[in-house]
PDB file of N, CA and C in Angstrom:
ATOM      1  N   MET A   1     124.943 118.893 195.850  1.00  0.00           N
ATOM      2  CA  MET A   1     126.109 119.115 195.012  1.00  0.00           C
ATOM      3  C   MET A   1     126.097 120.580 194.565  1.00  0.00           C
ATOM      4  N   GLU A   2     127.190 121.227 194.719  1.00  0.00           N
ATOM      5  CA  GLU A   2     127.292 122.627 194.330  1.00  0.00           C
ATOM      6  C   GLU A   2     128.297 122.754 193.199  1.00  0.00           C
ATOM      7  N   PHE A   3     127.872 123.382 192.108  1.00  0.00           N
ATOM      8  CA  PHE A   3     128.727 123.528 190.937  1.00  0.00           C
ATOM      9  C   PHE A   3     128.463 124.910 190.351  1.00  0.00           C
ATOM     10  N   TYR A   4     129.486 125.704 190.195  1.00  0.00           N
ATOM     11  CA  TYR A   4     129.366 127.067 189.703  1.00  0.00           C
ATOM     12  C   TYR A   4     128.408 127.891 190.564  1.00  0.00           C
ATOM     13  N   GLY A   5     128.381 127.636 191.849  1.00  0.00           N
ATOM     14  CA  GLY A   5     127.550 128.410 192.758  1.00  0.00           C
ATOM     15  C   GLY A   5     126.086 128.040 192.744  1.00  0.00           C
ATOM     16  N   VAL A   6     125.722 126.945 192.067  1.00  0.00           N
ATOM     17  CA  VAL A   6     124.330 126.491 192.000  1.00  0.00           C
ATOM     18  C   VAL A   6     124.249 125.134 192.669  1.00  0.00           C
ATOM     19  N   GLU A   7     123.320 124.994 193.575  1.00  0.00           N
ATOM     20  CA  GLU A   7     123.163 123.723 194.264  1.00  0.00           C
ATOM     21  C   GLU A   7     121.878 123.052 193.789  1.00  0.00           C
ATOM     22  N   ILE A   8     122.025 121.832 193.221  1.00  0.00           N
ATOM     23  CA  ILE A   8     120.863 121.057 192.779  1.00  0.00           C
ATOM     24  C   ILE A   8     120.990 119.639 193.294  1.00  0.00           C
ATOM     25  N   SER A   9     119.857 118.986 193.417  1.00  0.00           N
ATOM     26  CA  SER A   9     119.865 117.601 193.899  1.00  0.00           C
ATOM     27  C   SER A   9     120.158 116.656 192.731  1.00  0.00           C
ATOM     28  N   TYR A  10     120.440 115.413 193.063  1.00  0.00           N
ATOM     29  CA  TYR A  10     120.666 114.394 192.044  1.00  0.00           C
ATOM     30  C   TYR A  10     119.427 114.255 191.174  1.00  0.00           C
ATOM     31  N   GLN A  11     118.249 114.243 191.788  1.00  0.00           N
ATOM     32  CA  GLN A  11     117.006 114.076 191.036  1.00  0.00           C
ATOM     33  C   GLN A  11     116.782 115.242 190.070  1.00  0.00           C
ATOM     34  N   GLN A  12     117.080 116.459 190.503  1.00  0.00           N
ATOM     35  CA  GLN A  12     116.937 117.609 189.616  1.00  0.00           C
ATOM     36  C   GLN A  12     117.884 117.495 188.419  1.00  0.00           C
ATOM     37  N   ALA A  13     119.118 117.083 188.683  1.00  0.00           N
ATOM     38  CA  ALA A  13     120.096 116.915 187.608  1.00  0.00           C
ATOM     39  C   ALA A  13     119.651 115.826 186.641  1.00  0.00           C
ATOM     40  N   TRP A  14     119.150 114.722 187.177  1.00  0.00           N
ATOM     41  CA  TRP A  14     118.690 113.609 186.337  1.00  0.00           C
ATOM     42  C   TRP A  14     117.512 114.045 185.471  1.00  0.00           C
ATOM     43  N   CYS A  15     116.547 114.749 186.054  1.00  0.00           N
ATOM     44  CA  CYS A  15     115.383 115.229 185.293  1.00  0.00           C
ATOM     45  C   CYS A  15     115.800 116.202 184.196  1.00  0.00           C
ATOM     46  N   ALA A  16     116.752 117.086 184.512  1.00  0.00           N
ATOM     47  CA  ALA A  16     117.239 118.037 183.516  1.00  0.00           C
ATOM     48  C   ALA A  16     117.930 117.306 182.368  1.00  0.00           C
ATOM     49  N   LYS A  17     118.716 116.288 182.691  1.00  0.00           N
ATOM     50  CA  LYS A  17     119.396 115.499 181.655  1.00  0.00           C
ATOM     51  C   LYS A  17     118.383 114.798 180.764  1.00  0.00           C
ATOM     52  N   GLU A  18     117.365 114.176 181.369  1.00  0.00           N
ATOM     53  CA  GLU A  18     116.335 113.480 180.602  1.00  0.00           C
ATOM     54  C   GLU A  18     115.574 114.436 179.695  1.00  0.00           C
ATOM     55  N   ARG A  19     115.271 115.611 180.203  1.00  0.00           N
ATOM     56  CA  ARG A  19     114.561 116.603 179.390  1.00  0.00           C
ATOM     57  C   ARG A  19     115.428 117.071 178.221  1.00  0.00           C
ATOM     58  N   ALA A  20     116.710 117.294 178.470  1.00  0.00           N
ATOM     59  CA  ALA A  20     117.620 117.709 177.405  1.00  0.00           C
ATOM     60  C   ALA A  20     117.721 116.627 176.332  1.00  0.00           C
ATOM     61  N   LEU A  21     117.808 115.360 176.741  1.00  0.00           N
ATOM     62  CA  LEU A  21     117.864 114.264 175.771  1.00  0.00           C
ATOM     63  C   LEU A  21     116.577 114.180 174.963  1.00  0.00           C
ATOM     64  N   GLN A  22     115.450 114.390 175.613  1.00  0.00           N
ATOM     65  CA  GLN A  22     114.174 114.367 174.908  1.00  0.00           C
ATOM     66  C   GLN A  22     114.091 115.512 173.897  1.00  0.00           C
ATOM     67  N   MET A  23     114.630 116.675 174.267  1.00  0.00           N
ATOM     68  CA  MET A  23     114.643 117.809 173.339  1.00  0.00           C
ATOM     69  C   MET A  23     115.531 117.523 172.129  1.00  0.00           C
ATOM     70  N   LEU A  24     116.639 116.813 172.339  1.00  0.00           N
ATOM     71  CA  LEU A  24     117.551 116.484 171.245  1.00  0.00           C
ATOM     72  C   LEU A  24     117.016 115.361 170.363  1.00  0.00           C
ATOM     73  N   ARG A  25     116.546 114.294 170.989  1.00  0.00           N
ATOM     74  CA  ARG A  25     116.151 113.088 170.270  1.00  0.00           C
ATOM     75  C   ARG A  25     114.671 113.018 169.941  1.00  0.00           C
ATOM     76  N   GLY A  26     113.857 113.771 170.662  1.00  0.00           N
ATOM     77  CA  GLY A  26     112.416 113.635 170.520  1.00  0.00           C
ATOM     78  C   GLY A  26     111.927 112.492 171.395  1.00  0.00           C
ATOM     79  N   LYS A  27     110.631 112.367 171.509  1.00  0.00           N
ATOM     80  CA  LYS A  27     110.061 111.285 172.307  1.00  0.00           C
ATOM     81  C   LYS A  27     110.262 109.964 171.578  1.00  0.00           C
ATOM     82  N   PRO A  28     110.419 108.865 172.321  1.00  0.00           N
ATOM     83  CA  PRO A  28     110.585 107.563 171.665  1.00  0.00           C
ATOM     84  C   PRO A  28     109.439 107.227 170.706  1.00  0.00           C
ATOM     85  N   SER A  29     108.233 107.682 171.030  1.00  0.00           N
ATOM     86  CA  SER A  29     107.092 107.379 170.161  1.00  0.00           C
ATOM     87  C   SER A  29     107.249 108.013 168.779  1.00  0.00           C
ATOM     88  N   TYR A  30     108.000 109.120 168.676  1.00  0.00           N
ATOM     89  CA  TYR A  30     108.219 109.751 167.373  1.00  0.00           C
ATOM     90  C   TYR A  30     109.007 108.841 166.442  1.00  0.00           C
ATOM     91  N   GLY A  31     109.907 108.052 167.010  1.00  0.00           N
ATOM     92  CA  GLY A  31     110.702 107.135 166.198  1.00  0.00           C
ATOM     93  C   GLY A  31     109.860 106.090 165.498  1.00  0.00           C
ATOM     94  N   TYR A  32     108.786 105.651 166.135  1.00  0.00           N
ATOM     95  CA  TYR A  32     107.928 104.640 165.526  1.00  0.00           C
ATOM     96  C   TYR A  32     107.187 105.182 164.313  1.00  0.00           C
ATOM     97  N   ARG A  33     106.991 106.482 164.273  1.00  0.00           N
ATOM     98  CA  ARG A  33     106.344 107.088 163.104  1.00  0.00           C
ATOM     99  C   ARG A  33     107.233 106.993 161.870  1.00  0.00           C
ATOM    100  N   GLN A  34     108.523 106.801 162.087  1.00  0.00           N
ATOM    101  CA  GLN A  34     109.478 106.706 160.991  1.00  0.00           C
ATOM    102  C   GLN A  34     109.650 105.277 160.478  1.00  0.00           C
ATOM    103  N   MET A  35     108.957 104.317 161.085  1.00  0.00           N
ATOM    104  CA  MET A  35     109.179 102.908 160.739  1.00  0.00           C
ATOM    105  C   MET A  35     108.884 102.612 159.271  1.00  0.00           C
ATOM    106  N   LEU A  36     107.806 103.162 158.712  1.00  0.00           N
ATOM    107  CA  LEU A  36     107.497 102.883 157.311  1.00  0.00           C
ATOM    108  C   LEU A  36     108.592 103.413 156.389  1.00  0.00           C
ATOM    109  N   ARG A  37     109.164 104.567 156.719  1.00  0.00           N
ATOM    110  CA  ARG A  37     110.296 105.093 155.939  1.00  0.00           C
ATOM    111  C   ARG A  37     111.498 104.168 156.054  1.00  0.00           C
ATOM    112  N   TYR A  38     111.719 103.646 157.256  1.00  0.00           N
ATOM    113  CA  TYR A  38     112.846 102.734 157.487  1.00  0.00           C
ATOM    114  C   TYR A  38     112.681 101.463 156.664  1.00  0.00           C
ATOM    115  N   ILE A  39     111.469 100.904 156.644  1.00  0.00           N
ATOM    116  CA  ILE A  39     111.200  99.694 155.856  1.00  0.00           C
ATOM    117  C   ILE A  39     111.419  99.988 154.374  1.00  0.00           C
ATOM    118  N   CYS A  40     110.945 101.136 153.918  1.00  0.00           N
ATOM    119  CA  CYS A  40     111.130 101.521 152.516  1.00  0.00           C
ATOM    120  C   CYS A  40     112.615 101.653 152.181  1.00  0.00           C
ATOM    121  N   MET A  41     113.392 102.247 153.082  1.00  0.00           N
ATOM    122  CA  MET A  41     114.827 102.391 152.875  1.00  0.00           C
ATOM    123  C   MET A  41     115.508 101.015 152.819  1.00  0.00           C
ATOM    124  N   LEU A  42     115.104 100.105 153.712  1.00  0.00           N
ATOM    125  CA  LEU A  42     115.675  98.758 153.693  1.00  0.00           C
ATOM    126  C   LEU A  42     115.363  98.057 152.376  1.00  0.00           C
ATOM    127  N   ASN A  43     114.132  98.213 151.879  1.00  0.00           N
ATOM    128  CA  ASN A  43     113.773  97.603 150.597  1.00  0.00           C
ATOM    129  C   ASN A  43     114.591  98.182 149.448  1.00  0.00           C
ATOM    130  N   THR A  44     114.962  99.457 149.538  1.00  0.00           N
ATOM    131  CA  THR A  44     115.785 100.081 148.512  1.00  0.00           C
ATOM    132  C   THR A  44     117.226  99.585 148.582  1.00  0.00           C
ATOM    133  N   VAL A  45     117.769  99.499 149.798  1.00  0.00           N
ATOM    134  CA  VAL A  45     119.158  99.079 149.987  1.00  0.00           C
ATOM    135  C   VAL A  45     119.331  97.586 149.731  1.00  0.00           C
ATOM    136  N   TYR A  46     118.325  96.792 150.126  1.00  0.00           N
ATOM    137  CA  TYR A  46     118.388  95.331 149.967  1.00  0.00           C
ATOM    138  C   TYR A  46     117.275  94.864 149.043  1.00  0.00           C
ATOM    139  N   PRO A  47     117.351  95.154 147.736  1.00  0.00           N
ATOM    140  CA  PRO A  47     116.282  94.716 146.830  1.00  0.00           C
ATOM    141  C   PRO A  47     116.193  93.193 146.788  1.00  0.00           C
ATOM    142  N   ASN A  48     114.997  92.704 146.592  1.00  0.00           N
ATOM    143  CA  ASN A  48     114.712  91.256 146.528  1.00  0.00           C
ATOM    144  C   ASN A  48     114.992  90.539 147.837  1.00  0.00           C
ATOM    145  N   SER A  49     115.038  91.261 148.940  1.00  0.00           N
ATOM    146  CA  SER A  49     115.219  90.649 150.255  1.00  0.00           C
ATOM    147  C   SER A  49     113.865  90.471 150.923  1.00  0.00           C
ATOM    148  N   TYR A  50     113.824  89.628 151.927  1.00  0.00           N
ATOM    149  CA  TYR A  50     112.612  89.401 152.711  1.00  0.00           C
ATOM    150  C   TYR A  50     112.693  90.294 153.937  1.00  0.00           C
ATOM    151  N   ILE A  51     111.889  91.354 153.987  1.00  0.00           N
ATOM    152  CA  ILE A  51     111.913  92.317 155.084  1.00  0.00           C
ATOM    153  C   ILE A  51     110.507  92.419 155.644  1.00  0.00           C
ATOM    154  N   ARG A  52     110.366  92.150 156.936  1.00  0.00           N
ATOM    155  CA  ARG A  52     109.054  92.205 157.574  1.00  0.00           C
ATOM    156  C   ARG A  52     109.146  92.931 158.900  1.00  0.00           C
ATOM    157  N   MET A  53     108.101  93.699 159.214  1.00  0.00           N
ATOM    158  CA  MET A  53     107.997  94.361 160.507  1.00  0.00           C
ATOM    159  C   MET A  53     106.924  93.626 161.294  1.00  0.00           C
ATOM    160  N   HIS A  54     107.220  93.290 162.541  1.00  0.00           N
ATOM    161  CA  HIS A  54     106.279  92.564 163.381  1.00  0.00           C
ATOM    162  C   HIS A  54     105.735  93.489 164.460  1.00  0.00           C
ATOM    163  N   LYS A  55     104.391  93.503 164.583  1.00  0.00           N
ATOM    164  CA  LYS A  55     103.724  94.322 165.596  1.00  0.00           C
ATOM    165  C   LYS A  55     102.724  93.459 166.346  1.00  0.00           C
ATOM    166  N   LEU A  56     102.374  93.901 167.541  1.00  0.00           N
ATOM    167  CA  LEU A  56     101.307  93.268 168.292  1.00  0.00           C
ATOM    168  C   LEU A  56      99.971  93.805 167.798  1.00  0.00           C
ATOM    169  N   GLU A  57      98.868  93.226 168.255  1.00  0.00           N
ATOM    170  CA  GLU A  57      97.542  93.658 167.817  1.00  0.00           C
ATOM    171  C   GLU A  57      97.270  95.127 168.134  1.00  0.00           C
ATOM    172  N   ASN A  58      97.832  95.637 169.218  1.00  0.00           N
ATOM    173  CA  ASN A  58      97.608  97.032 169.593  1.00  0.00           C
ATOM    174  C   ASN A  58      98.669  97.956 168.985  1.00  0.00           C
ATOM    175  N   ASN A  59      99.295  97.515 167.873  1.00  0.00           N
ATOM    176  CA  ASN A  59     100.293  98.292 167.123  1.00  0.00           C
ATOM    177  C   ASN A  59     101.581  98.549 167.882  1.00  0.00           C
ATOM    178  N   GLU A  60     101.895  97.753 168.889  1.00  0.00           N
ATOM    179  CA  GLU A  60     103.191  97.858 169.545  1.00  0.00           C
ATOM    180  C   GLU A  60     104.224  97.160 168.672  1.00  0.00           C
ATOM    181  N   PHE A  61     105.313  97.859 168.417  1.00  0.00           N
ATOM    182  CA  PHE A  61     106.387  97.363 167.568  1.00  0.00           C
ATOM    183  C   PHE A  61     107.155  96.255 168.267  1.00  0.00           C
ATOM    184  N   ILE A  62     107.435  95.166 167.556  1.00  0.00           N
ATOM    185  CA  ILE A  62     108.228  94.066 168.108  1.00  0.00           C
ATOM    186  C   ILE A  62     109.614  94.035 167.464  1.00  0.00           C
ATOM    187  N   SER A  63     109.658  93.835 166.152  1.00  0.00           N
ATOM    188  CA  SER A  63     110.977  93.726 165.515  1.00  0.00           C
ATOM    189  C   SER A  63     110.873  93.873 164.011  1.00  0.00           C
ATOM    190  N   ILE A  64     112.038  94.097 163.408  1.00  0.00           N
ATOM    191  CA  ILE A  64     112.182  94.050 161.952  1.00  0.00           C
ATOM    192  C   ILE A  64     113.245  93.004 161.654  1.00  0.00           C
ATOM    193  N   VAL A  65     112.931  92.119 160.723  1.00  0.00           N
ATOM    194  CA  VAL A  65     113.858  91.060 160.351  1.00  0.00           C
ATOM    195  C   VAL A  65     114.160  91.203 158.860  1.00  0.00           C
ATOM    196  N   VAL A  66     115.453  91.169 158.513  1.00  0.00           N
ATOM    197  CA  VAL A  66     115.876  91.252 157.119  1.00  0.00           C
ATOM    198  C   VAL A  66     116.568  89.945 156.771  1.00  0.00           C
ATOM    199  N   VAL A  67     116.071  89.267 155.725  1.00  0.00           N
ATOM    200  CA  VAL A  67     116.688  88.041 155.231  1.00  0.00           C
ATOM    201  C   VAL A  67     117.149  88.313 153.810  1.00  0.00           C
ATOM    202  N   ASP A  68     118.417  88.048 153.541  1.00  0.00           N
ATOM    203  CA  ASP A  68     118.975  88.313 152.222  1.00  0.00           C
ATOM    204  C   ASP A  68     119.796  87.101 151.792  1.00  0.00           C
ATOM    205  N   SER A  69     119.897  86.898 150.492  1.00  0.00           N
ATOM    206  CA  SER A  69     120.707  85.780 149.995  1.00  0.00           C
ATOM    207  C   SER A  69     121.442  86.209 148.731  1.00  0.00           C
ATOM    208  N   ALA A  70     122.519  85.506 148.456  1.00  0.00           N
ATOM    209  CA  ALA A  70     123.308  85.747 147.247  1.00  0.00           C
ATOM    210  C   ALA A  70     123.796  84.402 146.726  1.00  0.00           C
ATOM    211  N   HIS A  71     123.683  84.217 145.425  1.00  0.00           N
ATOM    212  CA  HIS A  71     124.166  82.977 144.822  1.00  0.00           C
ATOM    213  C   HIS A  71     125.673  83.059 144.655  1.00  0.00           C
ATOM    214  N   LEU A  72     126.345  81.999 145.060  1.00  0.00           N
ATOM    215  CA  LEU A  72     127.806  81.959 145.019  1.00  0.00           C
ATOM    216  C   LEU A  72     128.270  81.283 143.741  1.00  0.00           C
ATOM    217  N   GLY A  73     129.378  81.744 143.225  1.00  0.00           N
ATOM    218  CA  GLY A  73     129.955  81.147 142.027  1.00  0.00           C
ATOM    219  C   GLY A  73     131.386  80.707 142.302  1.00  0.00           C
ATOM    220  N   GLY A  74     132.049  80.231 141.284  1.00  0.00           N
ATOM    221  CA  GLY A  74     133.434  79.806 141.445  1.00  0.00           C
ATOM    222  C   GLY A  74     133.522  78.475 142.161  1.00  0.00           C
ATOM    223  N   ALA A  75     134.517  78.331 143.018  1.00  0.00           N
ATOM    224  CA  ALA A  75     134.753  77.067 143.722  1.00  0.00           C
ATOM    225  C   ALA A  75     133.680  76.785 144.768  1.00  0.00           C
ATOM    226  N   TYR A  76     133.003  77.827 145.262  1.00  0.00           N
ATOM    227  CA  TYR A  76     132.016  77.652 146.328  1.00  0.00           C
ATOM    228  C   TYR A  76     130.614  77.838 145.774  1.00  0.00           C
ATOM    229  N   LYS A  77     130.042  76.774 145.263  1.00  0.00           N
ATOM    230  CA  LYS A  77     128.689  76.821 144.708  1.00  0.00           C
ATOM    231  C   LYS A  77     127.672  76.817 145.843  1.00  0.00           C
ATOM    232  N   GLY A  78     126.529  77.410 145.607  1.00  0.00           N
ATOM    233  CA  GLY A  78     125.463  77.404 146.604  1.00  0.00           C
ATOM    234  C   GLY A  78     124.897  78.800 146.795  1.00  0.00           C
ATOM    235  N   THR A  79     124.285  78.996 147.948  1.00  0.00           N
ATOM    236  CA  THR A  79     123.659  80.274 148.266  1.00  0.00           C
ATOM    237  C   THR A  79     124.105  80.735 149.647  1.00  0.00           C
ATOM    238  N   PHE A  80     124.514  81.981 149.732  1.00  0.00           N
ATOM    239  CA  PHE A  80     124.896  82.603 150.996  1.00  0.00           C
ATOM    240  C   PHE A  80     123.659  83.319 151.538  1.00  0.00           C
ATOM    241  N   VAL A  81     123.243  82.981 152.758  1.00  0.00           N
ATOM    242  CA  VAL A  81     122.046  83.564 153.355  1.00  0.00           C
ATOM    243  C   VAL A  81     122.432  84.290 154.635  1.00  0.00           C
ATOM    244  N   SER A  82     121.903  85.503 154.823  1.00  0.00           N
ATOM    245  CA  SER A  82     122.121  86.234 156.063  1.00  0.00           C
ATOM    246  C   SER A  82     120.786  86.742 156.596  1.00  0.00           C
ATOM    247  N   VAL A  83     120.683  86.766 157.912  1.00  0.00           N
ATOM    248  CA  VAL A  83     119.498  87.278 158.599  1.00  0.00           C
ATOM    249  C   VAL A  83     119.984  88.315 159.592  1.00  0.00           C
ATOM    250  N   SER A  84     119.353  89.496 159.623  1.00  0.00           N
ATOM    251  CA  SER A  84     119.772  90.513 160.581  1.00  0.00           C
ATOM    252  C   SER A  84     118.553  91.190 161.206  1.00  0.00           C
ATOM    253  N   THR A  85     118.741  91.618 162.440  1.00  0.00           N
ATOM    254  CA  THR A  85     117.717  92.341 163.182  1.00  0.00           C
ATOM    255  C   THR A  85     118.408  93.103 164.306  1.00  0.00           C
ATOM    256  N   LEU A  86     117.679  93.915 165.037  1.00  0.00           N
ATOM    257  CA  LEU A  86     118.219  94.621 166.196  1.00  0.00           C
ATOM    258  C   LEU A  86     117.788  93.901 167.457  1.00  0.00           C
ATOM    259  N   ASP A  87     118.709  93.785 168.419  1.00  0.00           N
ATOM    260  CA  ASP A  87     118.330  93.191 169.697  1.00  0.00           C
ATOM    261  C   ASP A  87     117.778  94.280 170.618  1.00  0.00           C
ATOM    262  N   GLY A  88     117.417  93.904 171.826  1.00  0.00           N
ATOM    263  CA  GLY A  88     116.806  94.834 172.776  1.00  0.00           C
ATOM    264  C   GLY A  88     117.685  96.002 173.143  1.00  0.00           C
ATOM    265  N   ALA A  89     118.996  95.858 173.006  1.00  0.00           N
ATOM    266  CA  ALA A  89     119.919  96.938 173.328  1.00  0.00           C
ATOM    267  C   ALA A  89     120.221  97.836 172.136  1.00  0.00           C
ATOM    268  N   GLY A  90     119.546  97.561 170.996  1.00  0.00           N
ATOM    269  CA  GLY A  90     119.772  98.377 169.821  1.00  0.00           C
ATOM    270  C   GLY A  90     120.996  97.980 169.016  1.00  0.00           C
ATOM    271  N   MET A  91     121.572  96.825 169.315  1.00  0.00           N
ATOM    272  CA  MET A  91     122.746  96.348 168.588  1.00  0.00           C
ATOM    273  C   MET A  91     122.288  95.442 167.433  1.00  0.00           C
ATOM    274  N   THR A  92     122.988  95.498 166.307  1.00  0.00           N
ATOM    275  CA  THR A  92     122.648  94.675 165.178  1.00  0.00           C
ATOM    276  C   THR A  92     123.035  93.222 165.456  1.00  0.00           C
ATOM    277  N   PHE A  93     122.109  92.320 165.179  1.00  0.00           N
ATOM    278  CA  PHE A  93     122.322  90.899 165.385  1.00  0.00           C
ATOM    279  C   PHE A  93     122.257  90.236 164.016  1.00  0.00           C
ATOM    280  N   VAL A  94     123.324  89.569 163.588  1.00  0.00           N
ATOM    281  CA  VAL A  94     123.414  88.992 162.255  1.00  0.00           C
ATOM    282  C   VAL A  94     123.691  87.511 162.358  1.00  0.00           C
ATOM    283  N   ILE A  95     122.974  86.728 161.548  1.00  0.00           N
ATOM    284  CA  ILE A  95     123.220  85.293 161.455  1.00  0.00           C
ATOM    285  C   ILE A  95     123.605  85.008 160.007  1.00  0.00           C
ATOM    286  N   LEU A  96     124.708  84.353 159.815  1.00  0.00           N
ATOM    287  CA  LEU A  96     125.148  83.963 158.467  1.00  0.00           C
ATOM    288  C   LEU A  96     124.948  82.467 158.326  1.00  0.00           C
ATOM    289  N   LEU A  97     124.236  82.078 157.276  1.00  0.00           N
ATOM    290  CA  LEU A  97     123.951  80.648 157.055  1.00  0.00           C
ATOM    291  C   LEU A  97     124.673  80.154 155.826  1.00  0.00           C
TER     292      LEU A  97
END
């Protein structure tokens, strides 16, 4: 492929793109160093919620699960419960009970 008088292969272009993304985002392992800050932020935003981080024995991250509830008043007595986590694609997954 020739663009602006420079010819590069698909593999060269792909490697350059990956390197640029790594320079912008950092290595994926850097994100795991931020997990304790993330848990602390969740505890601040969702006080009195059940928030747990799950890891394997070798410290591989599995998931974070947030369980929150609110007591309902008025005509609808009871408790509203929600559970949220991220799926493998990074999308938020929410269950309302």
